[in-house]
C-alpha atoms as a PDB file:
ATOM      1  CA  MET A   1      10.522 -17.620   4.735  1.00  0.00           C
ATOM      2  CA  THR A   2       8.643 -16.792   1.810  1.00  0.00           C
ATOM      3  CA  GLU A   3       5.484 -17.197   3.484  1.00  0.00           C
ATOM      4  CA  VAL A   4       6.281 -15.330   6.682  1.00  0.00           C
ATOM      5  CA  TRP A   5       7.122 -12.228   4.527  1.00  0.00           C
ATOM      6  CA  ILE A   6       4.163 -12.495   2.748  1.00  0.00           C
ATOM      7  CA  LEU A   7       2.110 -12.641   5.675  1.00  0.00           C
ATOM      8  CA  CYS A   8       3.773  -9.783   7.347  1.00  0.00           C
ATOM      9  CA  ALA A   9       3.401  -7.720   4.232  1.00  0.00           C
ATOM     10  CA  ALA A  10      -0.173  -8.448   3.992  1.00  0.00           C
ATOM     11  CA  TYR A  11      -0.857  -7.391   7.489  1.00  0.00           C
ATOM     12  CA  LEU A  12       1.244  -3.885   6.808  1.00  0.00           C
ATOM     13  CA  ILE A  13      -0.980  -3.565   3.688  1.00  0.00           C
ATOM     14  CA  ASP A  14      -4.123  -3.976   5.749  1.00  0.00           C
ATOM     15  CA  ARG A  15      -2.810  -1.422   8.662  1.00  0.00           C
ATOM     16  CA  VAL A  16      -1.633   1.236   6.546  1.00  0.00           C
ATOM     17  CA  VAL A  17      -3.711   0.991   3.216  1.00  0.00           C
ATOM     18  CA  GLY A  18      -6.690  -0.962   4.342  1.00  0.00           C
ATOM     19  CA  ASP A  19      -9.394  -1.386   1.601  1.00  0.00           C
ATOM     20  CA  PRO A  20      -9.455   1.259  -0.872  1.00  0.00           C
ATOM     21  CA  ARG A  21     -12.630   2.364  -2.242  1.00  0.00           C
ATOM     22  CA  SER A  22     -11.366   2.893  -5.553  1.00  0.00           C
ATOM     23  CA  LEU A  23     -10.243  -0.890  -6.192  1.00  0.00           C
ATOM     24  CA  LEU A  24     -12.715  -3.734  -6.795  1.00  0.00           C
ATOM     25  CA  HIS A  25     -12.789  -5.917  -3.468  1.00  0.00           C
ATOM     26  CA  PRO A  26     -13.122  -9.399  -3.629  1.00  0.00           C
ATOM     27  CA  VAL A  27     -15.814  -9.427  -1.035  1.00  0.00           C
ATOM     28  CA  ILE A  28     -18.082  -7.639  -3.876  1.00  0.00           C
ATOM     29  CA  ILE A  29     -17.425 -10.291  -6.327  1.00  0.00           C
ATOM     30  CA  MET A  30     -18.371 -13.082  -3.842  1.00  0.00           C
ATOM     31  CA  GLY A  31     -21.372 -11.199  -3.408  1.00  0.00           C
ATOM     32  CA  TRP A  32     -22.206 -10.794  -6.512  1.00  0.00           C
ATOM     33  CA  TRP A  33     -21.902 -14.749  -7.247  1.00  0.00           C
ATOM     34  CA  ILE A  34     -23.443 -15.616  -3.752  1.00  0.00           C
ATOM     35  CA  THR A  35     -26.701 -13.138  -5.333  1.00  0.00           C
ATOM     36  CA  ARG A  36     -26.688 -15.396  -8.422  1.00  0.00           C
ATOM     37  CA  LEU A  37     -26.361 -18.572  -7.027  1.00  0.00           C
ATOM     38  CA  GLU A  38     -29.268 -17.834  -4.770  1.00  0.00           C
ATOM     39  CA  ARG A  39     -31.525 -16.925  -7.663  1.00  0.00           C
ATOM     40  CA  VAL A  40     -30.484 -20.203  -9.337  1.00  0.00           C
ATOM     41  CA  ILE A  41     -31.427 -22.152  -6.521  1.00  0.00           C
ATOM     42  CA  ARG A  42     -34.739 -20.627  -5.658  1.00  0.00           C
ATOM     43  CA  SER A  43     -35.538 -21.068  -9.570  1.00  0.00           C
ATOM     44  CA  LEU A  44     -34.841 -24.784  -9.553  1.00  0.00           C
ATOM     45  CA  VAL A  45     -35.932 -25.783  -5.854  1.00  0.00           C
ATOM     46  CA  LYS A  46     -39.754 -24.865  -5.113  1.00  0.00           C
ATOM     47  CA  GLU A  47     -40.188 -26.834  -2.211  1.00  0.00           C
ATOM     48  CA  GLU A  48     -39.268 -24.963   1.023  1.00  0.00           C
ATOM     49  CA  SER A  49     -38.142 -28.505   2.679  1.00  0.00           C
ATOM     50  CA  HIS A  50     -35.625 -29.198  -0.164  1.00  0.00           C
ATOM     51  CA  LEU A  51     -33.917 -25.992   0.189  1.00  0.00           C
ATOM     52  CA  LYS A  52     -32.019 -27.459   3.449  1.00  0.00           C
ATOM     53  CA  LEU A  53     -30.089 -29.528   1.146  1.00  0.00           C
ATOM     54  CA  ALA A  54     -29.658 -27.175  -1.666  1.00  0.00           C
ATOM     55  CA  GLY A  55     -28.005 -24.744   0.856  1.00  0.00           C
ATOM     56  CA  VAL A  56     -25.113 -27.158   1.218  1.00  0.00           C
ATOM     57  CA  LEU A  57     -24.399 -25.926  -2.561  1.00  0.00           C
ATOM     58  CA  PHE A  58     -23.443 -22.511  -1.340  1.00  0.00           C
ATOM     59  CA  PRO A  59     -20.423 -23.604   1.279  1.00  0.00           C
ATOM     60  CA  LEU A  60     -19.580 -25.882  -1.957  1.00  0.00           C
ATOM     61  CA  VAL A  61     -19.598 -23.574  -4.690  1.00  0.00           C
ATOM     62  CA  ILE A  62     -18.800 -20.107  -3.325  1.00  0.00           C
ATOM     63  CA  VAL A  63     -15.918 -21.254  -0.526  1.00  0.00           C
ATOM     64  CA  GLY A  64     -14.489 -24.020  -3.033  1.00  0.00           C
ATOM     65  CA  GLY A  65     -14.596 -22.056  -6.009  1.00  0.00           C
ATOM     66  CA  SER A  66     -12.896 -18.990  -4.112  1.00  0.00           C
ATOM     67  CA  TYR A  67     -10.188 -21.067  -3.230  1.00  0.00           C
ATOM     68  CA  ALA A  68      -9.651 -22.771  -6.501  1.00  0.00           C
ATOM     69  CA  VAL A  69      -9.697 -19.254  -8.478  1.00  0.00           C
ATOM     70  CA  VAL A  70      -6.965 -17.908  -6.331  1.00  0.00           C
ATOM     71  CA  TRP A  71      -4.945 -21.042  -6.331  1.00  0.00           C
ATOM     72  CA  LEU A  72      -5.430 -21.172 -10.144  1.00  0.00           C
ATOM     73  CA  LEU A  73      -4.376 -17.366  -9.940  1.00  0.00           C
ATOM     74  CA  LEU A  74      -1.273 -17.213  -8.132  1.00  0.00           C
ATOM     75  CA  TRP A  75      -0.419 -20.231  -9.973  1.00  0.00           C
ATOM     76  CA  GLY A  76      -0.572 -18.688 -13.246  1.00  0.00           C
ATOM     77  CA  VAL A  77       1.190 -15.605 -12.283  1.00  0.00           C
ATOM     78  CA  THR A  78       4.228 -17.499 -11.103  1.00  0.00           C
ATOM     79  CA  PHE A  79       5.002 -18.072 -14.565  1.00  0.00           C
ATOM     80  CA  ILE A  80       5.139 -14.468 -15.206  1.00  0.00           C
ATOM     81  CA  HIS A  81       7.549 -13.752 -12.211  1.00  0.00           C
ATOM     82  CA  PRO A  82       7.632 -15.626  -8.804  1.00  0.00           C
ATOM     83  CA  VAL A  83       8.146 -12.060  -7.474  1.00  0.00           C
ATOM     84  CA  LEU A  84       4.884 -10.875  -8.777  1.00  0.00           C
ATOM     85  CA  ALA A  85       2.874 -14.262  -7.344  1.00  0.00           C
ATOM     86  CA  TRP A  86       4.442 -13.208  -3.868  1.00  0.00           C
ATOM     87  CA  ILE A  87       3.119  -9.371  -4.075  1.00  0.00           C
ATOM     88  CA  LEU A  88      -0.125 -10.388  -5.450  1.00  0.00           C
ATOM     89  CA  GLY A  89      -0.714 -13.065  -2.531  1.00  0.00           C
ATOM     90  CA  ALA A  90       0.190 -10.250   0.094  1.00  0.00           C
ATOM     91  CA  TRP A  91      -2.395  -8.065  -1.485  1.00  0.00           C
ATOM     92  CA  LEU A  92      -5.133 -10.686  -1.654  1.00  0.00           C
ATOM     93  CA  ILE A  93      -4.578 -11.864   2.113  1.00  0.00           C
ATOM     94  CA  SER A  94      -4.501  -8.086   2.848  1.00  0.00           C
ATOM     95  CA  THR A  95      -8.266  -7.914   1.423  1.00  0.00           C
ATOM     96  CA  THR A  96      -9.162 -10.557   3.937  1.00  0.00           C
ATOM     97  CA  ILE A  97      -8.057  -8.612   6.905  1.00  0.00           C
ATOM     98  CA  ALA A  98      -9.925  -5.635   7.914  1.00  0.00           C
ATOM     99  CA  THR A  99      -7.846  -3.778  11.018  1.00  0.00           C
ATOM    100  CA  LYS A 100      -7.786  -0.647   9.401  1.00  0.00           C
ATOM    101  CA  GLY A 101     -11.340  -0.674   8.381  1.00  0.00           C
ATOM    102  CA  LEU A 102     -12.616  -1.649  11.959  1.00  0.00           C
ATOM    103  CA  ALA A 103     -10.535   0.946  13.585  1.00  0.00           C
ATOM    104  CA  ASP A 104     -11.360   3.585  11.033  1.00  0.00           C
ATOM    105  CA  ALA A 105     -15.274   3.073  11.459  1.00  0.00           C
ATOM    106  CA  GLY A 106     -14.819   2.968  15.301  1.00  0.00           C
ATOM    107  CA  MET A 107     -12.861   6.176  15.301  1.00  0.00           C
ATOM    108  CA  GLU A 108     -15.278   8.022  13.273  1.00  0.00           C
ATOM    109  CA  ILE A 109     -18.048   7.186  15.914  1.00  0.00           C
ATOM    110  CA  ALA A 110     -16.059   8.140  18.641  1.00  0.00           C
ATOM    111  CA  ARG A 111     -14.874  11.757  16.975  1.00  0.00           C
ATOM    112  CA  HIS A 112     -18.524  12.519  16.374  1.00  0.00           C
ATOM    113  CA  LEU A 113     -19.562  11.495  20.071  1.00  0.00           C
ATOM    114  CA  VAL A 114     -16.620  13.814  21.377  1.00  0.00           C
ATOM    115  CA  ALA A 115     -17.790  16.662  19.011  1.00  0.00           C
ATOM    116  CA  GLY A 116     -21.093  16.434  20.481  1.00  0.00           C
ATOM    117  CA  ASP A 117     -22.626  15.545  17.145  1.00  0.00           C
ATOM    118  CA  MET A 118     -25.098  12.550  18.169  1.00  0.00           C
ATOM    119  CA  GLU A 119     -26.893  12.504  14.842  1.00  0.00           C
ATOM    120  CA  ALA A 120     -23.607  11.962  12.828  1.00  0.00           C
ATOM    121  CA  ALA A 121     -22.595   9.166  15.318  1.00  0.00           C
ATOM    122  CA  ARG A 122     -25.891   7.343  14.867  1.00  0.00           C
ATOM    123  CA  ARG A 123     -25.372   7.437  11.335  1.00  0.00           C
ATOM    124  CA  SER A 124     -22.075   6.149  11.352  1.00  0.00           C
ATOM    125  CA  LEU A 125     -23.026   3.229  13.653  1.00  0.00           C
ATOM    126  CA  SER A 126     -25.783   2.412  11.276  1.00  0.00           C
ATOM    127  CA  MET A 127     -22.899   1.804   8.463  1.00  0.00           C
ATOM    128  CA  VAL A 128     -21.651  -1.133  10.389  1.00  0.00           C
ATOM    129  CA  VAL A 129     -24.501  -2.342  12.642  1.00  0.00           C
ATOM    130  CA  GLY A 130     -27.807  -3.815  11.734  1.00  0.00           C
ATOM    131  CA  ARG A 131     -29.984  -2.302  14.844  1.00  0.00           C
ATOM    132  CA  ASP A 132     -31.974   0.537  14.726  1.00  0.00           C
ATOM    133  CA  THR A 133     -29.536   3.590  15.493  1.00  0.00           C
ATOM    134  CA  GLU A 134     -32.018   6.651  15.176  1.00  0.00           C
ATOM    135  CA  ARG A 135     -32.947   7.116  19.046  1.00  0.00           C
ATOM    136  CA  LEU A 136     -29.775   5.752  20.453  1.00  0.00           C
ATOM    137  CA  ASP A 137     -28.519   7.640  23.377  1.00  0.00           C
ATOM    138  CA  GLU A 138     -24.557   7.897  23.846  1.00  0.00           C
ATOM    139  CA  PRO A 139     -23.984   5.056  26.109  1.00  0.00           C
ATOM    140  CA  GLU A 140     -26.290   2.736  23.758  1.00  0.00           C
ATOM    141  CA  VAL A 141     -23.939   4.359  20.446  1.00  0.00           C
ATOM    142  CA  CYS A 142     -20.919   3.629  22.431  1.00  0.00           C
ATOM    143  CA  ARG A 143     -22.200  -0.370  23.243  1.00  0.00           C
ATOM    144  CA  GLY A 144     -22.845  -0.769  19.426  1.00  0.00           C
ATOM    145  CA  ALA A 145     -19.577   0.502  18.488  1.00  0.00           C
ATOM    146  CA  VAL A 146     -17.525  -1.276  21.192  1.00  0.00           C
ATOM    147  CA  GLU A 147     -19.459  -4.740  20.595  1.00  0.00           C
ATOM    148  CA  THR A 148     -18.954  -4.332  16.568  1.00  0.00           C
ATOM    149  CA  VAL A 149     -15.171  -3.728  17.013  1.00  0.00           C
ATOM    150  CA  ALA A 150     -14.937  -6.692  19.718  1.00  0.00           C
ATOM    151  CA  GLU A 151     -17.066  -9.214  17.845  1.00  0.00           C
ATOM    152  CA  ASN A 152     -15.104  -8.596  14.566  1.00  0.00           C
ATOM    153  CA  ILE A 153     -11.752  -9.118  16.217  1.00  0.00           C
ATOM    154  CA  VAL A 154     -12.217 -12.964  15.402  1.00  0.00           C
ATOM    155  CA  ASP A 155     -13.945 -12.988  11.701  1.00  0.00           C
ATOM    156  CA  ALA A 156     -12.177  -9.882  10.294  1.00  0.00           C
ATOM    157  CA  ILE A 157      -8.567 -10.403  11.813  1.00  0.00           C
ATOM    158  CA  VAL A 158      -7.761 -13.569  13.657  1.00  0.00           C
ATOM    159  CA  SER A 159      -9.556 -15.897  11.434  1.00  0.00           C
ATOM    160  CA  PRO A 160      -8.025 -14.846   8.325  1.00  0.00           C
ATOM    161  CA  LEU A 161      -4.408 -14.582   9.413  1.00  0.00           C
ATOM    162  CA  ILE A 162      -4.477 -18.049  11.116  1.00  0.00           C
ATOM    163  CA  PHE A 163      -5.946 -19.242   7.921  1.00  0.00           C
ATOM    164  CA  ALA A 164      -3.473 -17.683   5.625  1.00  0.00           C
ATOM    165  CA  ALA A 165      -0.820 -19.021   7.919  1.00  0.00           C
ATOM    166  CA  ILE A 166      -2.049 -22.283   7.261  1.00  0.00           C
ATOM    167  CA  GLY A 167      -2.871 -22.245   3.459  1.00  0.00           C
ATOM    168  CA  GLY A 168      -1.557 -18.910   2.319  1.00  0.00           C
ATOM    169  CA  ALA A 169      -3.673 -16.807   0.334  1.00  0.00           C
ATOM    170  CA  PRO A 170      -6.207 -19.289  -1.017  1.00  0.00           C
ATOM    171  CA  LEU A 171      -7.303 -20.655   2.142  1.00  0.00           C
ATOM    172  CA  ALA A 172      -7.846 -16.988   3.597  1.00  0.00           C
ATOM    173  CA  MET A 173     -10.020 -16.149   0.883  1.00  0.00           C
ATOM    174  CA  ALA A 174     -11.763 -19.415   1.082  1.00  0.00           C
ATOM    175  CA  TYR A 175     -12.422 -18.436   4.820  1.00  0.00           C
ATOM    176  CA  ARG A 176     -13.283 -14.915   3.892  1.00  0.00           C
ATOM    177  CA  ALA A 177     -15.848 -16.323   1.148  1.00  0.00           C
ATOM    178  CA  ALA A 178     -17.389 -18.732   4.026  1.00  0.00           C
ATOM    179  CA  ASN A 179     -17.645 -15.618   6.353  1.00  0.00           C
ATOM    180  CA  THR A 180     -19.404 -13.464   3.607  1.00  0.00           C
ATOM    181  CA  LEU A 181     -21.983 -16.262   2.875  1.00  0.00           C
ATOM    182  CA  ASP A 182     -22.722 -16.164   6.500  1.00  0.00           C
ATOM    183  CA  SER A 183     -23.233 -12.430   6.679  1.00  0.00           C
ATOM    184  CA  MET A 184     -25.481 -12.658   3.780  1.00  0.00           C
ATOM    185  CA  VAL A 185     -27.699 -15.998   4.011  1.00  0.00           C
ATOM    186  CA  GLY A 186     -26.675 -17.145   7.335  1.00  0.00           C
ATOM    187  CA  TYR A 187     -29.666 -15.764   9.143  1.00  0.00           C
ATOM    188  CA  LYS A 188     -32.425 -17.540  10.978  1.00  0.00           C
ATOM    189  CA  ASN A 189     -35.351 -15.736   9.751  1.00  0.00           C
ATOM    190  CA  GLU A 190     -38.116 -17.444   7.564  1.00  0.00           C
ATOM    191  CA  LYS A 191     -36.464 -16.439   4.127  1.00  0.00           C
ATOM    192  CA  TYR A 192     -32.700 -18.208   4.929  1.00  0.00           C
ATOM    193  CA  ARG A 193     -33.898 -20.705   7.864  1.00  0.00           C
ATOM    194  CA  ASN A 194     -33.362 -23.603   5.544  1.00  0.00           C
ATOM    195  CA  LEU A 195     -31.459 -22.204   2.421  1.00  0.00           C
ATOM    196  CA  GLY A 196     -28.565 -20.369   4.620  1.00  0.00           C
ATOM    197  CA  TRP A 197     -28.117 -23.229   7.505  1.00  0.00           C
ATOM    198  CA  ALA A 198     -25.239 -24.842   5.902  1.00  0.00           C
ATOM    199  CA  SER A 199     -23.339 -21.392   5.374  1.00  0.00           C
ATOM    200  CA  ALA A 200     -24.188 -20.189   9.105  1.00  0.00           C
ATOM    201  CA  ARG A 201     -22.966 -23.634  10.672  1.00  0.00           C
ATOM    202  CA  PHE A 202     -19.921 -23.705   8.341  1.00  0.00           C
ATOM    203  CA  ASP A 203     -19.019 -20.465   9.463  1.00  0.00           C
ATOM    204  CA  ASP A 204     -19.244 -21.214  13.339  1.00  0.00           C
ATOM    205  CA  VAL A 205     -16.994 -24.383  12.741  1.00  0.00           C
ATOM    206  CA  LEU A 206     -14.358 -21.981  10.758  1.00  0.00           C
ATOM    207  CA  ASN A 207     -14.181 -19.629  13.781  1.00  0.00           C
ATOM    208  CA  TYR A 208     -14.413 -22.174  16.638  1.00  0.00           C
ATOM    209  CA  ILE A 209     -11.065 -22.401  17.281  1.00  0.00           C
ATOM    210  CA  PRO A 210      -9.808 -18.923  16.230  1.00  0.00           C
ATOM    211  CA  ALA A 211     -12.604 -17.283  18.444  1.00  0.00           C
ATOM    212  CA  ARG A 212     -11.070 -19.180  21.250  1.00  0.00           C
ATOM    213  CA  LEU A 213      -7.764 -18.192  20.562  1.00  0.00           C
ATOM    214  CA  THR A 214      -8.818 -14.662  20.366  1.00  0.00           C
ATOM    215  CA  ALA A 215     -10.240 -14.971  23.862  1.00  0.00           C
ATOM    216  CA  LEU A 216      -6.559 -15.858  25.268  1.00  0.00           C
ATOM    217  CA  LEU A 217      -5.004 -12.842  23.186  1.00  0.00           C
ATOM    218  CA  LEU A 218      -7.325 -10.933  24.859  1.00  0.00           C
ATOM    219  CA  VAL A 219      -6.286 -11.521  28.357  1.00  0.00           C
ATOM    220  CA  ALA A 220      -2.542 -11.016  27.353  1.00  0.00           C
ATOM    221  CA  ALA A 221      -3.461  -7.881  25.452  1.00  0.00           C
ATOM    222  CA  SER A 222      -5.195  -6.526  28.613  1.00  0.00           C
ATOM    223  CA  TRP A 223      -2.461  -7.324  31.004  1.00  0.00           C
ATOM    224  CA  LEU A 224       0.237  -5.851  28.573  1.00  0.00           C
ATOM    225  CA  GLN A 225      -1.826  -2.733  28.514  1.00  0.00           C
ATOM    226  CA  ARG A 226      -2.723  -3.153  32.340  1.00  0.00           C
ATOM    227  CA  LEU A 227      -6.341  -3.154  31.819  1.00  0.00           C
ATOM    228  CA  ASP A 228      -8.119  -5.660  34.133  1.00  0.00           C
ATOM    229  CA  TRP A 229      -7.054  -8.997  32.597  1.00  0.00           C
ATOM    230  CA  LYS A 230      -8.301 -10.962  35.732  1.00  0.00           C
ATOM    231  CA  GLN A 231     -12.049  -9.531  34.809  1.00  0.00           C
ATOM    232  CA  CYS A 232     -11.394 -10.049  31.087  1.00  0.00           C
ATOM    233  CA  TRP A 233     -10.977 -13.993  31.733  1.00  0.00           C
ATOM    234  CA  ALA A 234     -13.574 -14.108  34.492  1.00  0.00           C
ATOM    235  CA  MET A 235     -16.290 -12.225  32.008  1.00  0.00           C
ATOM    236  CA  ILE A 236     -15.115 -14.852  29.307  1.00  0.00           C
ATOM    237  CA  ARG A 237     -16.033 -17.708  31.355  1.00  0.00           C
ATOM    238  CA  ARG A 238     -19.019 -16.539  33.116  1.00  0.00           C
ATOM    239  CA  ASP A 239     -20.665 -14.934  30.318  1.00  0.00           C
ATOM    240  CA  ALA A 240     -19.624 -15.661  26.756  1.00  0.00           C
ATOM    241  CA  HIS A 241     -21.857 -18.771  26.244  1.00  0.00           C
ATOM    242  CA  LEU A 242     -24.874 -16.540  27.144  1.00  0.00           C
ATOM    243  CA  HIS A 243     -24.230 -15.132  23.310  1.00  0.00           C
ATOM    244  CA  PRO A 244     -26.294 -16.638  20.839  1.00  0.00           C
ATOM    245  CA  SER A 245     -22.970 -17.217  18.485  1.00  0.00           C
ATOM    246  CA  PRO A 246     -20.957 -20.009  19.772  1.00  0.00           C
ATOM    247  CA  ASN A 247     -18.174 -17.695  18.890  1.00  0.00           C
ATOM    248  CA  SER A 248     -18.976 -13.928  18.988  1.00  0.00           C
ATOM    249  CA  GLY A 249     -19.543 -14.241  23.130  1.00  0.00           C
ATOM    250  CA  LEU A 250     -15.816 -14.727  23.880  1.00  0.00           C
ATOM    251  CA  PRO A 251     -14.217 -11.501  22.380  1.00  0.00           C
ATOM    252  CA  GLU A 252     -17.582  -9.430  23.360  1.00  0.00           C
ATOM    253  CA  ALA A 253     -17.371 -10.778  27.202  1.00  0.00           C
ATOM    254  CA  GLY A 254     -13.672 -10.085  27.073  1.00  0.00           C
ATOM    255  CA  VAL A 255     -13.715  -6.599  26.184  1.00  0.00           C
ATOM    256  CA  ALA A 256     -16.449  -5.922  28.603  1.00  0.00           C
ATOM    257  CA  GLY A 257     -14.383  -7.351  31.519  1.00  0.00           C
ATOM    258  CA  ALA A 258     -11.196  -5.522  30.532  1.00  0.00           C
ATOM    259  CA  LEU A 259     -12.874  -2.339  30.250  1.00  0.00           C
ATOM    260  CA  GLY A 260     -15.032  -2.965  33.212  1.00  0.00           C
ATOM    261  CA  VAL A 261     -18.556  -2.394  31.340  1.00  0.00           C
ATOM    262  CA  GLN A 262     -21.537  -4.212  30.357  1.00  0.00           C
ATOM    263  CA  LEU A 263     -22.319  -5.093  26.550  1.00  0.00           C
ATOM    264  CA  GLY A 264     -25.417  -6.738  25.334  1.00  0.00           C
ATOM    265  CA  GLY A 265     -28.972  -5.679  26.043  1.00  0.00           C
ATOM    266  CA  LEU A 266     -31.974  -4.362  24.176  1.00  0.00           C
ATOM    267  CA  ASN A 267     -31.615  -3.779  20.641  1.00  0.00           C
ATOM    268  CA  TYR A 268     -34.541  -3.195  17.853  1.00  0.00           C
ATOM    269  CA  TYR A 269     -34.181  -4.443  14.228  1.00  0.00           C
ATOM    270  CA  GLN A 270     -36.591  -2.869  12.047  1.00  0.00           C
ATOM    271  CA  GLY A 271     -38.669  -1.719  14.895  1.00  0.00           C
ATOM    272  CA  VAL A 272     -38.868  -5.353  16.384  1.00  0.00           C
ATOM    273  CA  ALA A 273     -37.240  -5.661  19.784  1.00  0.00           C
ATOM    274  CA  SER A 274     -34.408  -8.298  20.528  1.00  0.00           C
ATOM    275  CA  ASN A 275     -32.932  -8.985  24.080  1.00  0.00           C
ATOM    276  CA  ARG A 276     -29.387  -9.999  23.979  1.00  0.00           C
ATOM    277  CA  ALA A 277     -27.718 -11.662  27.086  1.00  0.00           C
ATOM    278  CA  LYS A 278     -25.562  -8.959  29.218  1.00  0.00           C
ATOM    279  CA  MET A 279     -22.088  -9.380  29.243  1.00  0.00           C
ATOM    280  CA  GLY A 280     -19.978  -7.964  31.940  1.00  0.00           C
ATOM    281  CA  ASP A 281     -20.824  -5.890  35.123  1.00  0.00           C
ATOM    282  CA  ALA A 282     -21.956  -2.446  34.544  1.00  0.00           C
ATOM    283  CA  LYS A 283     -19.784  -0.537  36.888  1.00  0.00           C
ATOM    284  CA  ARG A 284     -20.052   2.711  35.035  1.00  0.00           C
ATOM    285  CA  PRO A 285     -21.767   4.047  31.886  1.00  0.00           C
ATOM    286  CA  LEU A 286     -20.197   3.192  28.277  1.00  0.00           C
ATOM    287  CA  GLN A 287     -18.463   6.611  26.836  1.00  0.00           C
ATOM    288  CA  ALA A 288     -16.635   7.543  23.713  1.00  0.00           C
ATOM    289  CA  SER A 289     -13.134   6.455  25.351  1.00  0.00           C
ATOM    290  CA  ASP A 290     -14.474   2.805  25.477  1.00  0.00           C
ATOM    291  CA  ILE A 291     -14.419   2.730  21.604  1.00  0.00           C
ATOM    292  CA  VAL A 292     -10.652   4.006  21.508  1.00  0.00           C
ATOM    293  CA  ALA A 293      -9.827   1.743  24.255  1.00  0.00           C
ATOM    294  CA  THR A 294     -11.411  -1.147  22.116  1.00  0.00           C
ATOM    295  CA  ILE A 295      -9.650  -0.515  19.122  1.00  0.00           C
ATOM    296  CA  ARG A 296      -6.169  -0.256  21.159  1.00  0.00           C
ATOM    297  CA  LEU A 297      -6.885  -3.604  22.378  1.00  0.00           C
ATOM    298  CA  MET A 298      -7.807  -4.929  19.083  1.00  0.00           C
ATOM    299  CA  TYR A 299      -4.309  -3.499  17.458  1.00  0.00           C
ATOM    300  CA  LEU A 300      -2.491  -5.276  19.944  1.00  0.00           C
ATOM    301  CA  VAL A 301      -4.559  -8.357  19.820  1.00  0.00           C
ATOM    302  CA  SER A 302      -4.055  -8.260  15.923  1.00  0.00           C
ATOM    303  CA  LEU A 303       0.091  -7.921  16.406  1.00  0.00           C
ATOM    304  CA  LEU A 304      -0.247 -10.987  18.767  1.00  0.00           C
ATOM    305  CA  CYS A 305      -2.180 -12.847  16.285  1.00  0.00           C
ATOM    306  CA  LEU A 306       0.333 -11.786  13.552  1.00  0.00           C
ATOM    307  CA  LEU A 307       3.087 -13.303  16.023  1.00  0.00           C
ATOM    308  CA  VAL A 308       1.184 -16.485  16.459  1.00  0.00           C
ATOM    309  CA  SER A 309       0.399 -16.878  12.648  1.00  0.00           C
ATOM    310  CA  VAL A 310       4.197 -16.386  11.662  1.00  0.00           C
ATOM    311  CA  MET A 311       5.359 -19.372  14.168  1.00  0.00           C
ATOM    312  CA  ILE A 312       2.467 -21.646  12.646  1.00  0.00           C
ATOM    313  CA  SER A 313       3.789 -20.714   9.193  1.00  0.00           C
ATOM    314  CA  ILE A 314       7.352 -21.496  10.251  1.00  0.00           C
ATOM    315  CA  LEU A 315       5.824 -24.727  11.885  1.00  0.00           C
ATOM    316  CA  LEU A 316       4.298 -25.881   8.731  1.00  0.00           C
END
């Protein structure tokens, strides 16, 4: 049962402590190595057509290296004392989860909106999204916050918990490395279309099953919170496939259905318009309370996922 207690401790650490800014986060170290590996690859590979093959090095080196480093670290600490290794494992897993971070970011935006401070709300939103926020009105700020919390339920909570249940801290950290790679080089723009394709595809594969588990957990959480669970399921089936990501559309469509709102639409990125498919039915305008409701859904989904992860850990 040691693995179960480590998993539960990791979840509690994230819920209570989160990611203190005073500590060096593993993702920062991953970002440092990703940047340096990109420089090495680009210095050695000059032909754009060869970058696609070179892009395979990112998952091999960064994901494989993250797994190996954490495994060796825990193995070495075990010789000092097993309990110390358990504590370290719990902390490392907690750094791959972002329940508290997501909730704090969403609540900050909601508080600014309730206070009527649109400028502060836009600034807070700009910290968690890539879209332009300077001219967004209140419903659009709410949409950005709801979409961000909903989308990240998969890669910031469900996926790391499931991988931790299967392979402990090493596999959870390997997943976080893959997700960090996708966020840094997995773009379909001119710069990363070839170099980042493997990272983007690998992240999609890793999140495929967790995203579908998230959809089911969202339906269950909607029912438990007396939201519209039938619409949650209906919108997942109707609209999730419209999202450009094979995984992100599932939680976004589910949240849209459960709350009775519409997500997606027109975004601007550095002044360039980007139309995203709309998910859910616009029964009413989005408001600050929808951000809070999404956070509550996220919290309940995280608890349900912890139960699923514990069962997986026991069975394995």
